[in-house]
Amino acid sequence: MYCFKNGARYTGTWRKGLKHGKGDFLYPDGSKYSGDWKKDLKHGQGTYYFPNGDTYEGCWYKGLRHGLGTYTYKACNVTHYGTWINGRMEGPGILNYPYFRYHGSFDKNLPKGVGCFTFDAKYMQHGFYINMRDPAFDYVGAEELELEGGANQEENEYRGNPRGIVPIWRARSITEYKTELLPPEPVPLPVKESVESMIDIIDYLQKQYEIDGYQAEEEHRATPSPVPKELEVDLPDIDFDI
């Protein structure tokens, strides 16, 4: 086990002074990553445990959630299984609620476009999501915060839900459940592996020296919020006897 000055701990394999292979990393805030590493970055298959009880289990690429993965929201008992790109929900995905599911596509962590809700594999509600500006969102305050971030704002790219954007569900029809009517399923992403070079190692070690042996973990700041209550389908009294 290697202990960092700030309290972080790593137990696992190393290569050329970098976390590489299998290992567990415990962060100072109580979060934990267990899985594959490459050149000191989460890379491959792994599980991230958040301090609030949420988890992400799936593919990683160069430190970001990338590929197929499942995010579980402990507080509301909701899971998202789908495709991730550069740390965000992008493309086909499935939201599993306690009593129904949503099948569709996601854009920057929010459902967007054509999709359907399914109820006990008996009925389907078809429609589409549109993303609109939230009239209650303080855009001026958000711009001031971005300005305060200065030149480092681009380096700390926001990977949560788009601020000030609200997804609106437009229902169109209800049918019996048929698998052929479901949207495309999530699929693995092709990944191009890069060749490890000495320049990469030197560059990394220089950065590590500057931050005193610990690479700041931004995973908890990049947590996609659970789907807001506005997305929960409150169906009127409908006769499902089709």
C-alpha atoms as a PDB file:
ATOM      1  CA  MET A   1       0.000   0.000   0.000  1.00  0.00           C
ATOM      2  CA  TYR A   2       1.196   3.486  -0.864  1.00  0.00           C
ATOM      3  CA  CYS A   3      -0.065   6.409   1.248  1.00  0.00           C
ATOM      4  CA  PHE A   4      -0.091   9.945  -0.136  1.00  0.00           C
ATOM      5  CA  LYS A   5       0.486  13.025   2.003  1.00  0.00           C
ATOM      6  CA  ASN A   6      -3.139  14.101   1.731  1.00  0.00           C
ATOM      7  CA  GLY A   7      -4.435  10.760   3.034  1.00  0.00           C
ATOM      8  CA  ALA A   8      -5.140   9.041  -0.287  1.00  0.00           C
ATOM      9  CA  ARG A   9      -4.094   5.382  -0.461  1.00  0.00           C
ATOM     10  CA  TYR A  10      -3.348   3.020  -3.315  1.00  0.00           C
ATOM     11  CA  THR A  11      -3.111  -0.756  -3.188  1.00  0.00           C
ATOM     12  CA  GLY A  12      -2.233  -2.484  -6.426  1.00  0.00           C
ATOM     13  CA  THR A  13       0.315  -2.941  -9.175  1.00  0.00           C
ATOM     14  CA  TRP A  14       2.750  -0.365 -10.549  1.00  0.00           C
ATOM     15  CA  ARG A  15       4.767   0.125 -13.685  1.00  0.00           C
ATOM     16  CA  LYS A  16       7.572   2.660 -14.025  1.00  0.00           C
ATOM     17  CA  GLY A  17       6.349   4.481 -10.953  1.00  0.00           C
ATOM     18  CA  LEU A  18       2.764   4.740 -12.209  1.00  0.00           C
ATOM     19  CA  LYS A  19      -0.412   2.948 -11.202  1.00  0.00           C
ATOM     20  CA  HIS A  20      -0.748   0.313 -13.903  1.00  0.00           C
ATOM     21  CA  GLY A  21      -2.751  -2.909 -13.952  1.00  0.00           C
ATOM     22  CA  LYS A  22      -5.172  -3.781 -11.149  1.00  0.00           C
ATOM     23  CA  GLY A  23      -5.553  -1.622  -8.086  1.00  0.00           C
ATOM     24  CA  ASP A  24      -7.746   0.101  -5.506  1.00  0.00           C
ATOM     25  CA  PHE A  25      -7.488   3.832  -4.835  1.00  0.00           C
ATOM     26  CA  LEU A  26      -9.107   5.394  -1.765  1.00  0.00           C
ATOM     27  CA  TYR A  27      -9.571   9.166  -2.046  1.00  0.00           C
ATOM     28  CA  PRO A  28      -9.513  11.615   0.882  1.00  0.00           C
ATOM     29  CA  ASP A  29     -13.242  12.366   0.508  1.00  0.00           C
ATOM     30  CA  GLY A  30     -14.103   8.691   1.048  1.00  0.00           C
ATOM     31  CA  SER A  31     -14.709   7.806  -2.589  1.00  0.00           C
ATOM     32  CA  LYS A  32     -12.978   4.756  -4.017  1.00  0.00           C
ATOM     33  CA  TYR A  33     -11.999   3.338  -7.385  1.00  0.00           C
ATOM     34  CA  SER A  34     -11.369  -0.368  -7.869  1.00  0.00           C
ATOM     35  CA  GLY A  35     -10.316  -1.731 -11.233  1.00  0.00           C
ATOM     36  CA  ASP A  36      -7.924  -1.315 -14.130  1.00  0.00           C
ATOM     37  CA  TRP A  37      -5.256   1.371 -14.436  1.00  0.00           C
ATOM     38  CA  LYS A  38      -2.992   2.484 -17.241  1.00  0.00           C
ATOM     39  CA  LYS A  39      -0.268   5.098 -16.902  1.00  0.00           C
ATOM     40  CA  ASP A  40      -1.808   6.304 -13.629  1.00  0.00           C
ATOM     41  CA  LEU A  41      -5.291   6.769 -15.110  1.00  0.00           C
ATOM     42  CA  LYS A  42      -8.465   4.740 -14.700  1.00  0.00           C
ATOM     43  CA  HIS A  43      -8.470   2.733 -17.905  1.00  0.00           C
ATOM     44  CA  GLY A  44     -10.320  -0.474 -18.731  1.00  0.00           C
ATOM     45  CA  GLN A  45     -12.972  -1.995 -16.459  1.00  0.00           C
ATOM     46  CA  GLY A  46     -13.579  -0.576 -13.022  1.00  0.00           C
ATOM     47  CA  THR A  47     -16.022   0.569 -10.365  1.00  0.00           C
ATOM     48  CA  TYR A  48     -16.129   3.998  -8.759  1.00  0.00           C
ATOM     49  CA  TYR A  49     -17.830   4.353  -5.364  1.00  0.00           C
ATOM     50  CA  PHE A  50     -19.043   7.861  -4.523  1.00  0.00           C
ATOM     51  CA  PRO A  51     -19.276   9.237  -0.959  1.00  0.00           C
ATOM     52  CA  ASN A  52     -23.080   9.540  -1.264  1.00  0.00           C
ATOM     53  CA  GLY A  53     -23.468   5.840  -2.060  1.00  0.00           C
ATOM     54  CA  ASP A  54     -23.758   6.181  -5.840  1.00  0.00           C
ATOM     55  CA  THR A  55     -21.657   3.867  -8.018  1.00  0.00           C
ATOM     56  CA  TYR A  56     -20.444   3.681 -11.577  1.00  0.00           C
ATOM     57  CA  GLU A  57     -19.430   0.290 -12.948  1.00  0.00           C
ATOM     58  CA  GLY A  58     -18.157  -0.125 -16.465  1.00  0.00           C
ATOM     59  CA  CYS A  59     -15.597   1.032 -19.006  1.00  0.00           C
ATOM     60  CA  TRP A  60     -13.012   3.757 -18.549  1.00  0.00           C
ATOM     61  CA  TYR A  61     -10.698   5.412 -21.039  1.00  0.00           C
ATOM     62  CA  LYS A  62      -7.830   7.689 -20.013  1.00  0.00           C
ATOM     63  CA  GLY A  63      -9.443   8.562 -16.688  1.00  0.00           C
ATOM     64  CA  LEU A  64     -12.998   9.137 -17.952  1.00  0.00           C
ATOM     65  CA  ARG A  65     -16.146   7.009 -18.109  1.00  0.00           C
ATOM     66  CA  HIS A  66     -16.129   5.873 -21.711  1.00  0.00           C
ATOM     67  CA  GLY A  67     -17.945   2.942 -23.298  1.00  0.00           C
ATOM     68  CA  LEU A  68     -20.637   0.802 -21.703  1.00  0.00           C
ATOM     69  CA  GLY A  69     -21.372   1.478 -18.063  1.00  0.00           C
ATOM     70  CA  THR A  70     -24.008   1.475 -15.330  1.00  0.00           C
ATOM     71  CA  TYR A  71     -24.519   4.402 -12.974  1.00  0.00           C
ATOM     72  CA  THR A  72     -26.594   3.684  -9.858  1.00  0.00           C
ATOM     73  CA  TYR A  73     -28.277   6.473  -7.886  1.00  0.00           C
ATOM     74  CA  LYS A  74     -28.646   5.094  -4.383  1.00  0.00           C
ATOM     75  CA  ALA A  75     -30.970   7.790  -3.017  1.00  0.00           C
ATOM     76  CA  CYS A  76     -33.717   7.308  -5.621  1.00  0.00           C
ATOM     77  CA  ASN A  77     -33.065   3.674  -6.598  1.00  0.00           C
ATOM     78  CA  VAL A  78     -32.534   4.525 -10.282  1.00  0.00           C
ATOM     79  CA  THR A  79     -29.894   3.084 -12.609  1.00  0.00           C
ATOM     80  CA  HIS A  80     -28.660   4.256 -15.976  1.00  0.00           C
ATOM     81  CA  TYR A  81     -27.157   1.687 -18.321  1.00  0.00           C
ATOM     82  CA  GLY A  82     -25.784   2.950 -21.567  1.00  0.00           C
ATOM     83  CA  THR A  83     -23.005   4.424 -23.636  1.00  0.00           C
ATOM     84  CA  TRP A  84     -20.630   6.986 -22.160  1.00  0.00           C
ATOM     85  CA  ILE A  85     -18.305   9.278 -24.100  1.00  0.00           C
ATOM     86  CA  ASN A  86     -15.626  11.376 -22.384  1.00  0.00           C
ATOM     87  CA  GLY A  87     -17.308  11.134 -19.002  1.00  0.00           C
ATOM     88  CA  ARG A  88     -20.871  11.833 -20.121  1.00  0.00           C
ATOM     89  CA  MET A  89     -23.980   9.854 -21.011  1.00  0.00           C
ATOM     90  CA  GLU A  90     -24.029  10.012 -24.803  1.00  0.00           C
ATOM     91  CA  GLY A  91     -26.029   7.870 -27.218  1.00  0.00           C
ATOM     92  CA  PRO A  92     -28.289   4.876 -26.466  1.00  0.00           C
ATOM     93  CA  GLY A  93     -29.218   4.284 -22.846  1.00  0.00           C
ATOM     94  CA  ILE A  94     -31.789   2.809 -20.471  1.00  0.00           C
ATOM     95  CA  LEU A  95     -33.061   4.424 -17.268  1.00  0.00           C
ATOM     96  CA  ASN A  96     -34.406   1.819 -14.840  1.00  0.00           C
ATOM     97  CA  TYR A  97     -36.936   3.182 -12.346  1.00  0.00           C
ATOM     98  CA  PRO A  98     -38.607   1.051  -9.657  1.00  0.00           C
ATOM     99  CA  TYR A  99     -41.814   0.659 -11.715  1.00  0.00           C
ATOM    100  CA  PHE A 100     -40.919   1.481 -15.312  1.00  0.00           C
ATOM    101  CA  ARG A 101     -38.061   2.020 -17.754  1.00  0.00           C
ATOM    102  CA  TYR A 102     -37.055   4.638 -20.269  1.00  0.00           C
ATOM    103  CA  HIS A 103     -35.336   3.574 -23.506  1.00  0.00           C
ATOM    104  CA  GLY A 104     -33.802   6.239 -25.711  1.00  0.00           C
ATOM    105  CA  SER A 105     -30.814   8.404 -26.543  1.00  0.00           C
ATOM    106  CA  PHE A 106     -28.878  10.797 -24.318  1.00  0.00           C
ATOM    107  CA  ASP A 107     -26.989  13.985 -25.035  1.00  0.00           C
ATOM    108  CA  LYS A 108     -24.682  15.477 -22.387  1.00  0.00           C
ATOM    109  CA  ASN A 109     -26.295  13.390 -19.626  1.00  0.00           C
ATOM    110  CA  LEU A 110     -29.877  14.297 -20.590  1.00  0.00           C
ATOM    111  CA  PRO A 111     -32.445  12.274 -22.570  1.00  0.00           C
ATOM    112  CA  LYS A 112     -33.001  13.726 -26.024  1.00  0.00           C
ATOM    113  CA  GLY A 113     -34.924  12.709 -29.125  1.00  0.00           C
ATOM    114  CA  VAL A 114     -37.179   9.736 -29.794  1.00  0.00           C
ATOM    115  CA  GLY A 115     -37.691   7.188 -27.012  1.00  0.00           C
ATOM    116  CA  CYS A 116     -40.263   5.217 -25.062  1.00  0.00           C
ATOM    117  CA  PHE A 117     -41.301   4.309 -21.532  1.00  0.00           C
ATOM    118  CA  THR A 118     -42.126   0.677 -20.814  1.00  0.00           C
ATOM    119  CA  PHE A 119     -44.332  -0.586 -17.991  1.00  0.00           C
ATOM    120  CA  ASP A 120     -43.888  -4.158 -16.721  1.00  0.00           C
ATOM    121  CA  ALA A 121     -43.059  -5.292 -20.266  1.00  0.00           C
ATOM    122  CA  LYS A 122     -46.768  -4.961 -21.083  1.00  0.00           C
ATOM    123  CA  TYR A 123     -47.265  -1.469 -22.436  1.00  0.00           C
ATOM    124  CA  MET A 124     -45.179   1.248 -24.075  1.00  0.00           C
ATOM    125  CA  GLN A 125     -45.571   5.008 -24.204  1.00  0.00           C
ATOM    126  CA  HIS A 126     -43.856   6.446 -27.284  1.00  0.00           C
ATOM    127  CA  GLY A 127     -42.716  10.015 -27.688  1.00  0.00           C
ATOM    128  CA  PHE A 128     -39.641  12.207 -27.668  1.00  0.00           C
ATOM    129  CA  TYR A 129     -37.616  14.510 -25.426  1.00  0.00           C
ATOM    130  CA  ILE A 130     -36.770  18.087 -26.275  1.00  0.00           C
ATOM    131  CA  ASN A 131     -34.242  20.077 -24.244  1.00  0.00           C
ATOM    132  CA  MET A 132     -35.282  23.624 -23.389  1.00  0.00           C
ATOM    133  CA  ARG A 133     -33.934  26.490 -21.339  1.00  0.00           C
ATOM    134  CA  ASP A 134     -35.120  26.624 -17.744  1.00  0.00           C
ATOM    135  CA  PRO A 135     -36.757  30.052 -17.193  1.00  0.00           C
ATOM    136  CA  ALA A 136     -35.916  29.837 -13.487  1.00  0.00           C
ATOM    137  CA  PHE A 137     -32.186  29.340 -14.085  1.00  0.00           C
ATOM    138  CA  ASP A 138     -29.883  32.252 -13.191  1.00  0.00           C
ATOM    139  CA  TYR A 139     -27.878  32.588 -16.399  1.00  0.00           C
ATOM    140  CA  VAL A 140     -26.266  35.849 -15.234  1.00  0.00           C
ATOM    141  CA  GLY A 141     -25.008  34.244 -12.046  1.00  0.00           C
ATOM    142  CA  ALA A 142     -23.697  31.265 -14.001  1.00  0.00           C
ATOM    143  CA  GLU A 143     -21.785  33.548 -16.369  1.00  0.00           C
ATOM    144  CA  GLU A 144     -20.228  35.357 -13.410  1.00  0.00           C
ATOM    145  CA  LEU A 145     -19.070  32.046 -11.960  1.00  0.00           C
ATOM    146  CA  GLU A 146     -17.504  31.108 -15.293  1.00  0.00           C
ATOM    147  CA  LEU A 147     -15.683  34.434 -15.432  1.00  0.00           C
ATOM    148  CA  GLU A 148     -14.355  33.877 -11.914  1.00  0.00           C
ATOM    149  CA  GLY A 149     -12.933  30.571 -13.116  1.00  0.00           C
ATOM    150  CA  GLY A 150     -10.533  32.452 -15.360  1.00  0.00           C
ATOM    151  CA  ALA A 151      -8.147  30.697 -17.721  1.00  0.00           C
ATOM    152  CA  ASN A 152      -8.503  27.352 -15.942  1.00  0.00           C
ATOM    153  CA  GLN A 153     -12.175  27.042 -16.878  1.00  0.00           C
ATOM    154  CA  GLU A 154     -11.391  25.089 -20.048  1.00  0.00           C
ATOM    155  CA  GLU A 155      -9.074  22.742 -18.174  1.00  0.00           C
ATOM    156  CA  ASN A 156     -11.821  21.952 -15.646  1.00  0.00           C
ATOM    157  CA  GLU A 157     -14.466  21.183 -18.270  1.00  0.00           C
ATOM    158  CA  TYR A 158     -17.883  20.755 -16.735  1.00  0.00           C
ATOM    159  CA  ARG A 159     -19.093  17.209 -17.304  1.00  0.00           C
ATOM    160  CA  GLY A 160     -22.318  17.194 -15.329  1.00  0.00           C
ATOM    161  CA  ASN A 161     -25.771  18.041 -16.633  1.00  0.00           C
ATOM    162  CA  PRO A 162     -25.950  21.100 -18.930  1.00  0.00           C
ATOM    163  CA  ARG A 163     -26.733  24.014 -16.628  1.00  0.00           C
ATOM    164  CA  GLY A 164     -30.037  25.726 -17.231  1.00  0.00           C
ATOM    165  CA  ILE A 165     -31.359  23.035 -19.594  1.00  0.00           C
ATOM    166  CA  VAL A 166     -34.540  21.074 -18.824  1.00  0.00           C
ATOM    167  CA  PRO A 167     -35.648  17.974 -20.786  1.00  0.00           C
ATOM    168  CA  ILE A 168     -39.362  17.971 -21.658  1.00  0.00           C
ATOM    169  CA  TRP A 169     -41.179  14.737 -22.550  1.00  0.00           C
ATOM    170  CA  ARG A 170     -43.735  14.821 -25.364  1.00  0.00           C
ATOM    171  CA  ALA A 171     -45.913  11.685 -25.377  1.00  0.00           C
ATOM    172  CA  ARG A 172     -47.395  10.594 -28.692  1.00  0.00           C
ATOM    173  CA  SER A 173     -48.958   7.128 -28.398  1.00  0.00           C
ATOM    174  CA  ILE A 174     -49.424   4.044 -26.235  1.00  0.00           C
ATOM    175  CA  THR A 175     -49.083   0.518 -27.581  1.00  0.00           C
ATOM    176  CA  GLU A 176     -48.670  -3.023 -26.375  1.00  0.00           C
ATOM    177  CA  TYR A 177     -45.103  -3.955 -25.498  1.00  0.00           C
ATOM    178  CA  LYS A 178     -43.125  -5.228 -28.475  1.00  0.00           C
ATOM    179  CA  THR A 179     -39.354  -5.628 -28.445  1.00  0.00           C
ATOM    180  CA  GLU A 180     -39.113  -4.632 -32.102  1.00  0.00           C
ATOM    181  CA  LEU A 181     -40.437  -1.182 -31.181  1.00  0.00           C
ATOM    182  CA  LEU A 182     -37.647  -0.500 -28.683  1.00  0.00           C
ATOM    183  CA  PRO A 183     -34.916   1.999 -29.628  1.00  0.00           C
ATOM    184  CA  PRO A 184     -31.378   0.681 -30.347  1.00  0.00           C
ATOM    185  CA  GLU A 185     -29.572  -0.930 -27.424  1.00  0.00           C
ATOM    186  CA  PRO A 186     -26.300   0.504 -26.042  1.00  0.00           C
ATOM    187  CA  VAL A 187     -23.208  -0.922 -27.736  1.00  0.00           C
ATOM    188  CA  PRO A 188     -19.488  -0.956 -26.824  1.00  0.00           C
ATOM    189  CA  LEU A 189     -17.312   1.782 -28.265  1.00  0.00           C
ATOM    190  CA  PRO A 190     -14.188   1.038 -30.333  1.00  0.00           C
ATOM    191  CA  VAL A 191     -11.083   2.255 -28.519  1.00  0.00           C
ATOM    192  CA  LYS A 192      -7.750   3.035 -30.124  1.00  0.00           C
ATOM    193  CA  GLU A 193      -4.884   2.171 -27.831  1.00  0.00           C
ATOM    194  CA  SER A 194      -1.909   4.508 -27.870  1.00  0.00           C
ATOM    195  CA  VAL A 195       1.685   3.381 -27.558  1.00  0.00           C
ATOM    196  CA  GLU A 196       3.274   4.300 -24.249  1.00  0.00           C
ATOM    197  CA  SER A 197       6.252   6.574 -24.778  1.00  0.00           C
ATOM    198  CA  MET A 198       9.010   7.914 -22.547  1.00  0.00           C
ATOM    199  CA  ILE A 199       7.787  11.438 -23.277  1.00  0.00           C
ATOM    200  CA  ASP A 200       4.428  10.557 -21.726  1.00  0.00           C
ATOM    201  CA  ILE A 201       6.145   9.253 -18.599  1.00  0.00           C
ATOM    202  CA  ILE A 202       8.355  12.323 -18.205  1.00  0.00           C
ATOM    203  CA  ASP A 203       5.437  14.684 -18.773  1.00  0.00           C
ATOM    204  CA  TYR A 204       3.352  12.881 -16.177  1.00  0.00           C
ATOM    205  CA  LEU A 205       6.107  12.846 -13.551  1.00  0.00           C
ATOM    206  CA  GLN A 206       6.620  16.580 -13.971  1.00  0.00           C
ATOM    207  CA  LYS A 207       2.926  17.207 -13.373  1.00  0.00           C
ATOM    208  CA  GLN A 208       2.946  14.937 -10.339  1.00  0.00           C
ATOM    209  CA  TYR A 209       5.848  16.883  -8.861  1.00  0.00           C
ATOM    210  CA  GLU A 210       3.915  20.126  -9.267  1.00  0.00           C
ATOM    211  CA  ILE A 211       0.869  18.813  -7.387  1.00  0.00           C
ATOM    212  CA  ASP A 212       2.830  17.090  -4.619  1.00  0.00           C
ATOM    213  CA  GLY A 213       2.228  13.479  -5.508  1.00  0.00           C
ATOM    214  CA  TYR A 214      -1.514  13.465  -5.887  1.00  0.00           C
ATOM    215  CA  GLN A 215      -3.633  13.958  -8.949  1.00  0.00           C
ATOM    216  CA  ALA A 216      -6.818  15.796  -7.968  1.00  0.00           C
ATOM    217  CA  GLU A 217      -9.882  13.629  -8.379  1.00  0.00           C
ATOM    218  CA  GLU A 218     -12.755  15.393 -10.155  1.00  0.00           C
ATOM    219  CA  GLU A 219     -15.084  12.421 -10.416  1.00  0.00           C
ATOM    220  CA  HIS A 220     -17.409  13.608  -7.651  1.00  0.00           C
ATOM    221  CA  ARG A 221     -17.708  17.015  -9.334  1.00  0.00           C
ATOM    222  CA  ALA A 222     -18.586  15.346 -12.628  1.00  0.00           C
ATOM    223  CA  THR A 223     -21.471  13.336 -11.252  1.00  0.00           C
ATOM    224  CA  PRO A 224     -24.505  13.419 -13.560  1.00  0.00           C
ATOM    225  CA  SER A 225     -27.546  14.370 -11.514  1.00  0.00           C
ATOM    226  CA  PRO A 226     -30.355  11.820 -11.330  1.00  0.00           C
ATOM    227  CA  VAL A 227     -33.171  12.524 -13.744  1.00  0.00           C
ATOM    228  CA  PRO A 228     -35.274  15.317 -12.166  1.00  0.00           C
ATOM    229  CA  LYS A 229     -38.799  14.699 -10.989  1.00  0.00           C
ATOM    230  CA  GLU A 230     -40.093  16.508 -14.049  1.00  0.00           C
ATOM    231  CA  LEU A 231     -39.083  13.466 -16.073  1.00  0.00           C
ATOM    232  CA  GLU A 232     -41.057  11.002 -13.997  1.00  0.00           C
ATOM    233  CA  VAL A 233     -44.112  10.055 -16.002  1.00  0.00           C
ATOM    234  CA  ASP A 234     -47.343  10.933 -14.231  1.00  0.00           C
ATOM    235  CA  LEU A 235     -49.834   9.264 -16.525  1.00  0.00           C
ATOM    236  CA  PRO A 236     -53.510  10.188 -16.328  1.00  0.00           C
ATOM    237  CA  ASP A 237     -56.130   7.508 -15.978  1.00  0.00           C
ATOM    238  CA  ILE A 238     -55.741   5.622 -19.245  1.00  0.00           C
ATOM    239  CA  ASP A 239     -57.510   2.508 -20.371  1.00  0.00           C
ATOM    240  CA  PHE A 240     -54.661   0.151 -21.266  1.00  0.00           C
ATOM    241  CA  ASP A 241     -56.996  -2.522 -22.615  1.00  0.00           C
ATOM    242  CA  ILE A 242     -55.862  -2.287 -26.237  1.00  0.00           C
END
